[in-house]
Amino acid sequence: MKKLLLISFVFPPAFSAESVMLLKKVRVLARYFSITIITLDNKDNHFQDDSTLKQMVPKNVRVKYVPSFDKKSVFNRVLNIVFKIVFRGSPLFLYYDLGWSLNAVRYIKNVLLKNEDFDVLMSNSRNICSHLVGYSIHKVNTIPWVQHYSDPYSDSMFDEKWHYKLFMKHVDTKIEEVFIKRATVITVPSKELGNCICEKYNKIDTCFCSDKVIVIPHVYDGPMNEKAVALYTEGDTCFEKGNYFHICYLGSLYGPRSFRYILKVLGDLANSDKSSDKKIVIHLFGEMDKASKKLFSEYKCENIRFHGSVVYLKSLALMAHADALLLIDTPIEKSPYFPSKLSDYMGTDNPIIALASEQSCVKRIAEETHLIHFLFDESICYEKLNHPISKEKLQSRVAFSNRTNVYTDLINKINSSTR
């Protein structure tokens, strides 16, 4: 079995969308590779700790947790403040990202590579410091390098602060360009994002090979879903019995994904369902930024209930036991994002309300999988949501979200590069 060295700033038990996406990917890749993962020491990360995720890591996967800078040092505390003030617009230069990158490179070069050889190198974003480590290793060990981009990095709409656009965006673009030129394979979760990367770098470099970009959509993990439902029964889900129709939103509300869209969904349902005998309740599970918290406090409504964050396996059980699921896509005209929770949603047999633009990745997936889909300017009808989804449509949807064969191209590309 070939050896894969995988570098990622986040990995379980750290709980984030990126961490969960990588875990599901590792559970597939572990069938083909002996995997060693280099990630941030859990005591140094700022993510929620979810020990249930760690239990889902395959037993043949080795994980090495590397610390960042010593946070207790007075010098490092002062330097941390300086970095946050000066460079806060760029994830690359956030203090602990950079500290971890340096320590990870030292560990890999001075310990890991002195004792064993690897056949493939893989680095996982969104934190570009993972690619920074990959770049440093690839310069001294030119094995095939696979880079994964979950989001457009230097072109992300989430980094629109003026100080970022003024300076750091240009730095990030140049850094990303160096990494992408050196990549053997680039993986992305949607063909829309793949097209963005190809269009951008074909203009920058006429020698850029679009064939090295491979689409690996997010998939849901059947065994993880089964374990989640077995662990958390319907009684653990906060959903009242009786004349209620429970709509579940799982994920953070921040920036473009605002609480105001929750109000729109509830308003549209309330206006269309005056004759309904069921009370519609929207449950929010996740974090909210200050703007969304302010809106939530101003529009106090018994039909909207905020529960805070839950561990990932419980979120899967909530999806299964809800009456309908809500997805809020990034509100831009041609959104290339494939929200990772959508693959988990499609693993259930529940209707999905998707707020997305007409030319988005979500809209395309909706059309391919018979996902119930509503645009921002459409009203939502309770009668449609309450109507059972046909067996044929469910089979189409689950088949799309459960495809592990999407890794075939990646495995073949890696194998051809390592012969």
Protein backbone atom coordinates (compact mmCIF):
# COMPACT_ATOMS: atom_id res chain seq x y z
CA MET A 1 0.00 0.00 0.00
CA LYS A 2 1.39 3.41 -0.99
CA LYS A 3 2.13 5.97 1.71
CA LEU A 4 0.31 9.31 1.78
CA LEU A 5 1.52 12.29 3.83
CA LEU A 6 -1.48 14.56 4.42
CA ILE A 7 -1.05 18.08 5.82
CA SER A 8 -4.00 19.97 7.24
CA PHE A 9 -4.24 22.77 9.79
CA VAL A 10 -7.49 21.27 11.11
CA PHE A 11 -8.47 17.68 11.81
CA PRO A 12 -10.59 15.96 14.48
CA PRO A 13 -11.14 16.39 17.34
CA ALA A 14 -11.21 20.02 16.13
CA PHE A 15 -14.77 20.62 14.90
CA SER A 16 -15.16 22.75 11.78
CA ALA A 17 -16.65 22.26 8.32
CA GLU A 18 -13.14 21.78 6.94
CA SER A 19 -12.29 19.18 9.57
CA VAL A 20 -15.43 17.14 8.87
CA MET A 21 -14.91 17.31 5.09
CA LEU A 22 -11.36 16.04 5.48
CA LEU A 23 -12.41 13.25 7.85
CA LYS A 24 -14.91 11.91 5.31
CA LYS A 25 -12.25 12.11 2.59
CA VAL A 26 -9.71 10.28 4.78
CA ARG A 27 -12.21 7.50 5.49
CA VAL A 28 -12.28 6.81 1.73
CA LEU A 29 -8.57 7.33 1.00
CA ALA A 30 -7.60 4.97 3.85
CA ARG A 31 -8.80 2.11 1.63
CA TYR A 32 -6.06 2.90 -0.89
CA PHE A 33 -3.22 4.47 1.12
CA SER A 34 -1.35 4.18 4.38
CA ILE A 35 -2.00 7.72 5.68
CA THR A 36 0.00 9.93 8.05
CA ILE A 37 -1.68 13.23 8.94
CA ILE A 38 0.15 16.30 10.24
CA THR A 39 -2.23 18.73 11.96
CA LEU A 40 -2.44 21.37 14.70
CA ASP A 41 -2.23 20.26 18.31
CA ASN A 42 -5.74 20.33 19.72
CA LYS A 43 -4.76 22.50 22.71
CA ASP A 44 -3.69 25.27 20.30
CA ASN A 45 -6.76 25.45 18.07
CA HIS A 46 -9.73 27.76 18.60
CA PHE A 47 -12.32 25.30 17.29
CA GLN A 48 -14.86 23.42 19.34
CA ASP A 49 -13.56 20.07 20.59
CA ASP A 50 -15.59 17.12 19.29
CA SER A 51 -14.21 13.83 20.59
CA THR A 52 -16.90 11.86 18.75
CA LEU A 53 -15.21 12.81 15.46
CA LYS A 54 -11.92 11.34 16.61
CA GLN A 55 -13.67 8.00 17.10
CA MET A 56 -14.51 7.96 13.38
CA VAL A 57 -10.87 8.16 12.22
CA PRO A 58 -9.87 4.81 10.64
CA LYS A 59 -7.55 2.75 12.82
CA ASN A 60 -4.91 2.48 10.08
CA VAL A 61 -4.55 6.29 9.91
CA ARG A 62 -1.72 7.81 11.95
CA VAL A 63 -2.23 11.38 13.21
CA LYS A 64 0.59 13.59 14.51
CA TYR A 65 -0.51 16.73 16.38
CA VAL A 66 2.08 19.49 16.06
CA PRO A 67 1.94 22.54 18.40
CA SER A 68 2.06 26.17 17.36
CA PHE A 69 4.13 28.88 19.07
CA ASP A 70 4.25 28.82 22.87
CA LYS A 71 1.28 31.02 23.85
CA LYS A 72 2.53 31.50 27.43
CA SER A 73 5.69 33.34 26.41
CA VAL A 74 5.43 37.12 26.99
CA PHE A 75 7.33 37.78 23.76
CA ASN A 76 4.96 35.55 21.81
CA ARG A 77 1.91 37.17 23.38
CA VAL A 78 3.11 40.62 22.26
CA LEU A 79 4.01 39.30 18.82
CA ASN A 80 0.60 37.67 18.59
CA ILE A 81 -1.12 41.04 19.14
CA VAL A 82 1.09 42.68 16.50
CA PHE A 83 0.32 39.96 13.95
CA LYS A 84 -3.41 40.19 14.59
CA ILE A 85 -3.43 43.97 14.14
CA VAL A 86 -1.16 44.14 11.10
CA PHE A 87 -2.05 40.95 9.21
CA ARG A 88 -5.52 39.98 10.37
CA GLY A 89 -6.94 40.10 6.85
CA SER A 90 -4.90 37.09 5.73
CA PRO A 91 -5.14 33.58 7.21
CA LEU A 92 -1.55 32.89 6.10
CA PHE A 93 -0.11 35.45 8.49
CA LEU A 94 -2.33 34.82 11.46
CA TYR A 95 0.10 34.21 14.25
CA TYR A 96 -0.67 30.63 15.19
CA ASP A 97 -1.10 29.53 11.58
CA LEU A 98 2.44 30.69 10.83
CA GLY A 99 3.81 29.25 14.08
CA TRP A 100 2.26 25.89 13.31
CA SER A 101 3.61 25.97 9.74
CA LEU A 102 7.18 26.44 10.94
CA ASN A 103 6.90 23.69 13.56
CA ALA A 104 5.19 21.30 11.11
CA VAL A 105 7.95 21.79 8.51
CA ARG A 106 10.65 21.18 11.17
CA TYR A 107 8.94 18.01 12.39
CA ILE A 108 8.43 16.57 8.90
CA LYS A 109 11.99 17.32 7.73
CA ASN A 110 13.88 16.49 10.92
CA VAL A 111 11.85 13.52 12.18
CA LEU A 112 9.36 12.05 9.74
CA LEU A 113 11.34 12.07 6.47
CA LYS A 114 14.49 10.81 8.19
CA ASN A 115 12.72 7.62 9.21
CA GLU A 116 10.46 6.84 6.24
CA ASP A 117 9.61 7.66 2.63
CA PHE A 118 6.25 8.72 1.24
CA ASP A 119 4.77 8.22 -2.22
CA VAL A 120 2.29 11.11 -2.24
CA LEU A 121 2.04 14.52 -0.55
CA MET A 122 -1.37 16.10 0.00
CA SER A 123 -2.22 19.48 1.56
CA ASN A 124 -5.69 20.63 2.49
CA SER A 125 -7.02 24.19 2.68
CA ARG A 126 -8.94 26.49 3.52
CA ASN A 127 -6.07 27.60 5.80
CA ILE A 128 -3.38 28.20 3.20
CA CYS A 129 -0.71 27.53 5.81
CA SER A 130 -1.30 23.82 5.00
CA HIS A 131 -0.12 24.50 1.44
CA LEU A 132 2.78 26.54 2.82
CA VAL A 133 3.97 23.43 4.67
CA GLY A 134 3.36 21.33 1.56
CA TYR A 135 5.40 23.75 -0.56
CA SER A 136 8.33 23.66 1.89
CA ILE A 137 8.33 19.85 1.84
CA HIS A 138 7.86 19.56 -1.93
CA LYS A 139 10.96 21.70 -2.54
CA VAL A 140 13.15 19.04 -0.88
CA ASN A 141 11.11 15.94 -1.77
CA THR A 142 9.53 16.13 -5.22
CA ILE A 143 6.93 13.40 -4.84
CA PRO A 144 3.50 14.10 -6.44
CA TRP A 145 1.76 16.95 -4.61
CA VAL A 146 -2.05 17.04 -4.40
CA GLN A 147 -3.55 20.37 -3.30
CA HIS A 148 -7.17 20.65 -2.19
CA TYR A 149 -9.08 23.96 -2.33
CA SER A 150 -12.48 23.92 -0.64
CA ASP A 151 -13.07 27.60 -1.43
CA PRO A 152 -11.54 30.14 -3.80
CA TYR A 153 -8.76 31.40 -1.53
CA SER A 154 -7.35 34.72 -2.78
CA ASP A 155 -10.69 35.48 -4.51
CA SER A 156 -12.87 34.65 -1.52
CA MET A 157 -15.80 37.00 -1.00
CA PHE A 158 -15.40 36.55 2.75
CA ASP A 159 -12.18 38.63 2.79
CA GLU A 160 -13.52 41.94 1.55
CA LYS A 161 -12.15 44.28 4.24
CA TRP A 162 -10.49 47.34 2.76
CA HIS A 163 -7.09 46.68 4.37
CA TYR A 164 -7.10 43.16 2.94
CA LYS A 165 -7.93 44.29 -0.60
CA LEU A 166 -5.37 47.11 -0.37
CA PHE A 167 -2.34 44.93 0.31
CA MET A 168 -2.71 41.36 1.53
CA LYS A 169 -4.97 40.21 -1.31
CA HIS A 170 -2.11 40.84 -3.74
CA VAL A 171 0.34 38.95 -1.51
CA ASP A 172 -2.06 36.01 -1.15
CA THR A 173 -2.66 35.91 -4.91
CA LYS A 174 1.08 35.65 -5.61
CA ILE A 175 1.56 32.97 -2.94
CA GLU A 176 -1.37 30.96 -4.26
CA GLU A 177 0.00 31.28 -7.80
CA VAL A 178 3.34 29.77 -6.72
CA PHE A 179 1.59 26.84 -5.02
CA ILE A 180 -0.82 26.08 -7.87
CA LYS A 181 1.94 26.14 -10.51
CA ARG A 182 3.84 23.52 -8.53
CA ALA A 183 0.86 21.22 -7.92
CA THR A 184 0.69 17.80 -9.54
CA VAL A 185 -3.07 17.56 -8.94
CA ILE A 186 -5.58 20.16 -7.71
CA THR A 187 -8.85 18.93 -6.21
CA VAL A 188 -11.98 21.04 -5.73
CA PRO A 189 -15.52 20.17 -4.57
CA SER A 190 -17.39 21.68 -7.53
CA LYS A 191 -16.87 22.09 -11.25
CA GLU A 192 -17.80 25.77 -10.84
CA LEU A 193 -14.80 26.28 -8.54
CA GLY A 194 -12.64 24.22 -10.90
CA ASN A 195 -13.67 26.51 -13.76
CA CYS A 196 -12.80 29.59 -11.66
CA ILE A 197 -9.28 28.27 -11.04
CA CYS A 198 -8.75 27.22 -14.67
CA GLU A 199 -10.00 30.53 -16.09
CA LYS A 200 -7.85 32.54 -13.69
CA TYR A 201 -4.61 30.62 -14.20
CA ASN A 202 -4.99 30.14 -17.94
CA LYS A 203 -4.83 33.95 -18.16
CA ILE A 204 -1.83 34.16 -15.84
CA ASP A 205 0.10 31.21 -17.30
CA THR A 206 -0.48 29.94 -20.85
CA CYS A 207 1.27 26.69 -19.84
CA PHE A 208 -1.22 26.00 -17.04
CA CYS A 209 -2.69 22.52 -17.51
CA SER A 210 -6.43 22.44 -16.79
CA ASP A 211 -6.30 18.62 -16.78
CA LYS A 212 -4.68 18.61 -13.37
CA VAL A 213 -7.85 20.06 -11.80
CA ILE A 214 -10.13 17.23 -10.57
CA VAL A 215 -13.61 17.67 -9.10
CA ILE A 216 -14.31 15.61 -5.97
CA PRO A 217 -17.76 16.63 -4.68
CA HIS A 218 -18.53 16.41 -0.99
CA VAL A 219 -20.15 13.08 -0.15
CA TYR A 220 -22.05 11.86 2.84
CA ASP A 221 -20.80 8.94 4.89
CA GLY A 222 -23.46 6.24 5.36
CA PRO A 223 -21.84 4.45 8.33
CA MET A 224 -21.37 7.78 10.14
CA ASN A 225 -25.05 8.60 9.60
CA GLU A 226 -26.12 5.22 10.92
CA LYS A 227 -23.99 5.61 14.04
CA ALA A 228 -25.36 9.12 14.61
CA VAL A 229 -29.00 8.00 14.45
CA ALA A 230 -28.22 5.07 16.75
CA LEU A 231 -26.52 7.35 19.29
CA TYR A 232 -29.11 10.14 19.29
CA THR A 233 -32.74 9.05 19.27
CA GLU A 234 -35.62 11.28 18.25
CA GLY A 235 -36.11 12.19 21.91
CA ASP A 236 -32.68 13.87 21.98
CA THR A 237 -33.48 16.28 19.17
CA CYS A 238 -35.47 19.12 20.85
CA PHE A 239 -38.33 18.56 18.37
CA GLU A 240 -41.73 18.64 20.08
CA LYS A 241 -44.37 16.12 19.16
CA GLY A 242 -47.80 17.19 18.04
CA ASN A 243 -48.92 19.76 15.51
CA TYR A 244 -45.48 21.07 14.64
CA PHE A 245 -43.50 21.21 11.42
CA HIS A 246 -39.81 21.39 12.35
CA ILE A 247 -37.37 23.04 9.92
CA CYS A 248 -33.72 22.61 10.83
CA TYR A 249 -30.80 24.89 9.90
CA LEU A 250 -27.36 23.52 10.79
CA GLY A 251 -24.34 25.77 10.43
CA SER A 252 -23.08 29.20 11.33
CA LEU A 253 -24.83 32.47 10.48
CA TYR A 254 -22.22 35.07 9.61
CA GLY A 255 -21.40 37.72 7.03
CA PRO A 256 -23.31 37.02 3.79
CA ARG A 257 -25.13 34.06 5.40
CA SER A 258 -27.24 36.31 7.56
CA PHE A 259 -30.05 35.74 10.05
CA ARG A 260 -32.25 37.96 7.86
CA TYR A 261 -32.67 35.01 5.47
CA ILE A 262 -34.10 32.95 8.33
CA LEU A 263 -36.68 35.71 8.80
CA LYS A 264 -37.49 35.62 5.07
CA VAL A 265 -38.08 31.86 5.11
CA LEU A 266 -40.33 32.10 8.16
CA GLY A 267 -42.23 35.07 6.70
CA ASP A 268 -42.86 33.33 3.39
CA LEU A 269 -44.06 30.17 5.11
CA ALA A 270 -46.31 32.10 7.49
CA ASN A 271 -47.93 34.01 4.62
CA SER A 272 -48.56 30.92 2.53
CA ASP A 273 -49.79 28.58 5.26
CA LYS A 274 -52.54 30.40 7.14
CA SER A 275 -54.80 27.43 6.60
CA SER A 276 -52.25 24.93 7.90
CA ASP A 277 -53.03 23.18 11.17
CA LYS A 278 -49.33 22.80 11.98
CA LYS A 279 -47.13 25.32 13.72
CA ILE A 280 -43.91 25.93 11.76
CA VAL A 281 -40.77 26.16 13.90
CA ILE A 282 -37.27 26.90 12.60
CA HIS A 283 -34.44 25.48 14.73
CA LEU A 284 -30.97 27.00 14.44
CA PHE A 285 -27.95 24.89 15.40
CA GLY A 286 -24.55 26.58 15.14
CA GLU A 287 -22.90 29.92 15.85
CA MET A 288 -24.05 33.46 15.03
CA ASP A 289 -21.92 36.54 14.45
CA LYS A 290 -22.72 39.84 16.20
CA ALA A 291 -24.93 41.14 13.39
CA SER A 292 -27.07 37.98 13.34
CA LYS A 293 -27.28 37.88 17.13
CA LYS A 294 -28.53 41.48 17.11
CA LEU A 295 -31.23 40.64 14.55
CA PHE A 296 -32.21 37.55 16.51
CA SER A 297 -32.64 39.58 19.71
CA GLU A 298 -34.61 42.31 17.93
CA TYR A 299 -37.02 39.92 16.21
CA LYS A 300 -37.81 37.68 19.12
CA CYS A 301 -40.17 35.07 17.82
CA GLU A 302 -41.32 31.80 19.33
CA ASN A 303 -41.21 30.25 15.85
CA ILE A 304 -37.41 30.60 15.74
CA ARG A 305 -35.33 28.73 18.31
CA PHE A 306 -31.58 29.05 18.68
CA HIS A 307 -29.84 26.02 20.24
CA GLY A 308 -26.15 26.84 19.78
CA SER A 309 -23.55 24.40 18.51
CA VAL A 310 -23.89 20.63 18.65
CA VAL A 311 -21.34 17.90 17.93
CA TYR A 312 -21.24 16.62 14.37
CA LEU A 313 -22.81 13.21 14.94
CA LYS A 314 -25.73 14.82 16.75
CA SER A 315 -26.17 17.23 13.83
CA LEU A 316 -26.57 14.21 11.52
CA ALA A 317 -29.27 12.81 13.82
CA LEU A 318 -31.04 16.19 13.85
CA MET A 319 -31.09 16.18 10.06
CA ALA A 320 -32.67 12.74 10.04
CA HIS A 321 -35.39 13.60 12.58
CA ALA A 322 -36.37 17.05 11.25
CA ASP A 323 -39.36 17.58 8.91
CA ALA A 324 -37.39 19.78 6.50
CA LEU A 325 -33.84 21.14 6.18
CA LEU A 326 -32.74 24.67 5.35
CA LEU A 327 -29.65 25.64 3.36
CA ILE A 328 -28.46 29.24 2.89
CA ASP A 329 -25.95 29.57 0.09
CA THR A 330 -23.52 32.46 -0.30
CA PRO A 331 -25.63 35.21 -1.91
CA ILE A 332 -23.57 36.00 -5.00
CA GLU A 333 -24.73 35.71 -8.58
CA LYS A 334 -22.43 32.86 -9.67
CA SER A 335 -21.58 31.18 -6.41
CA PRO A 336 -19.02 28.36 -6.96
CA TYR A 337 -19.42 27.09 -3.40
CA PHE A 338 -20.62 23.56 -2.68
CA PRO A 339 -21.83 23.82 0.96
CA SER A 340 -20.54 20.68 2.67
CA LYS A 341 -23.69 20.26 4.75
CA LEU A 342 -25.68 19.84 1.53
CA SER A 343 -24.17 16.38 0.99
CA ASP A 344 -25.31 15.37 4.50
CA TYR A 345 -28.76 16.85 3.87
CA MET A 346 -29.08 14.78 0.69
CA GLY A 347 -28.32 11.64 2.65
CA THR A 348 -31.68 12.03 4.43
CA ASP A 349 -35.16 11.58 2.98
CA ASN A 350 -36.28 15.06 4.08
CA PRO A 351 -37.23 17.98 1.83
CA ILE A 352 -34.58 20.68 1.54
CA ILE A 353 -35.18 24.41 1.25
CA ALA A 354 -32.22 25.89 -0.61
CA LEU A 355 -31.82 29.66 -0.83
CA ALA A 356 -29.39 30.16 -3.69
CA SER A 357 -28.85 32.24 -6.81
CA GLU A 358 -29.94 31.15 -10.27
CA GLN A 359 -26.41 30.47 -11.57
CA SER A 360 -24.97 28.87 -8.43
CA CYS A 361 -23.39 25.47 -7.86
CA VAL A 362 -26.29 24.69 -5.50
CA LYS A 363 -28.83 25.36 -8.25
CA ARG A 364 -27.04 22.96 -10.61
CA ILE A 365 -26.93 20.25 -7.95
CA ALA A 366 -30.60 20.84 -7.22
CA GLU A 367 -31.49 20.22 -10.86
CA GLU A 368 -29.29 17.10 -11.06
CA THR A 369 -30.60 15.53 -7.87
CA HIS A 370 -34.26 16.64 -7.67
CA LEU A 371 -33.46 18.70 -4.59
CA ILE A 372 -36.39 20.93 -3.57
CA HIS A 373 -35.06 24.34 -4.53
CA PHE A 374 -36.23 27.90 -4.00
CA LEU A 375 -34.52 31.07 -5.16
CA PHE A 376 -34.16 34.17 -3.01
CA ASP A 377 -37.09 35.93 -4.67
CA GLU A 378 -39.49 32.97 -4.57
CA SER A 379 -42.07 32.23 -1.92
CA ILE A 380 -42.03 28.90 -0.13
CA CYS A 381 -45.13 26.79 0.06
CA TYR A 382 -45.69 24.55 3.07
CA GLU A 383 -47.85 22.19 1.00
CA LYS A 384 -44.87 21.41 -1.24
CA LEU A 385 -42.63 20.79 1.76
CA ASN A 386 -45.16 18.54 3.43
CA HIS A 387 -45.65 16.45 0.29
CA PRO A 388 -43.68 13.15 0.37
CA ILE A 389 -40.71 12.95 -1.98
CA SER A 390 -41.05 10.19 -4.55
CA LYS A 391 -38.91 7.08 -4.18
CA GLU A 392 -37.24 7.73 -7.55
CA LYS A 393 -36.21 11.25 -6.57
CA LEU A 394 -34.87 10.07 -3.22
CA GLN A 395 -32.81 7.36 -4.90
CA SER A 396 -31.37 9.90 -7.32
CA ARG A 397 -30.48 12.28 -4.50
CA VAL A 398 -28.91 9.68 -2.22
CA ALA A 399 -26.96 8.16 -5.12
CA PHE A 400 -25.45 11.57 -5.87
CA SER A 401 -24.42 12.23 -2.26
CA ASN A 402 -23.10 8.72 -1.62
CA ARG A 403 -20.64 8.43 -4.53
CA THR A 404 -17.25 7.23 -3.35
CA ASN A 405 -16.37 6.46 -6.97
CA VAL A 406 -15.63 10.19 -7.43
CA TYR A 407 -12.19 9.40 -6.00
CA THR A 408 -11.34 7.12 -8.92
CA ASP A 409 -9.85 9.89 -11.08
CA LEU A 410 -7.73 11.11 -8.18
CA ILE A 411 -6.44 7.61 -7.36
CA ASN A 412 -5.62 6.95 -11.04
CA LYS A 413 -3.85 10.30 -11.39
CA ILE A 414 -1.78 9.68 -8.26
CA ASN A 415 -0.90 6.14 -9.32
CA SER A 416 0.22 7.28 -12.77
CA SER A 417 2.43 9.95 -11.17
CA THR A 418 4.11 7.56 -8.74
CA ARG A 419 4.98 4.71 -11.07
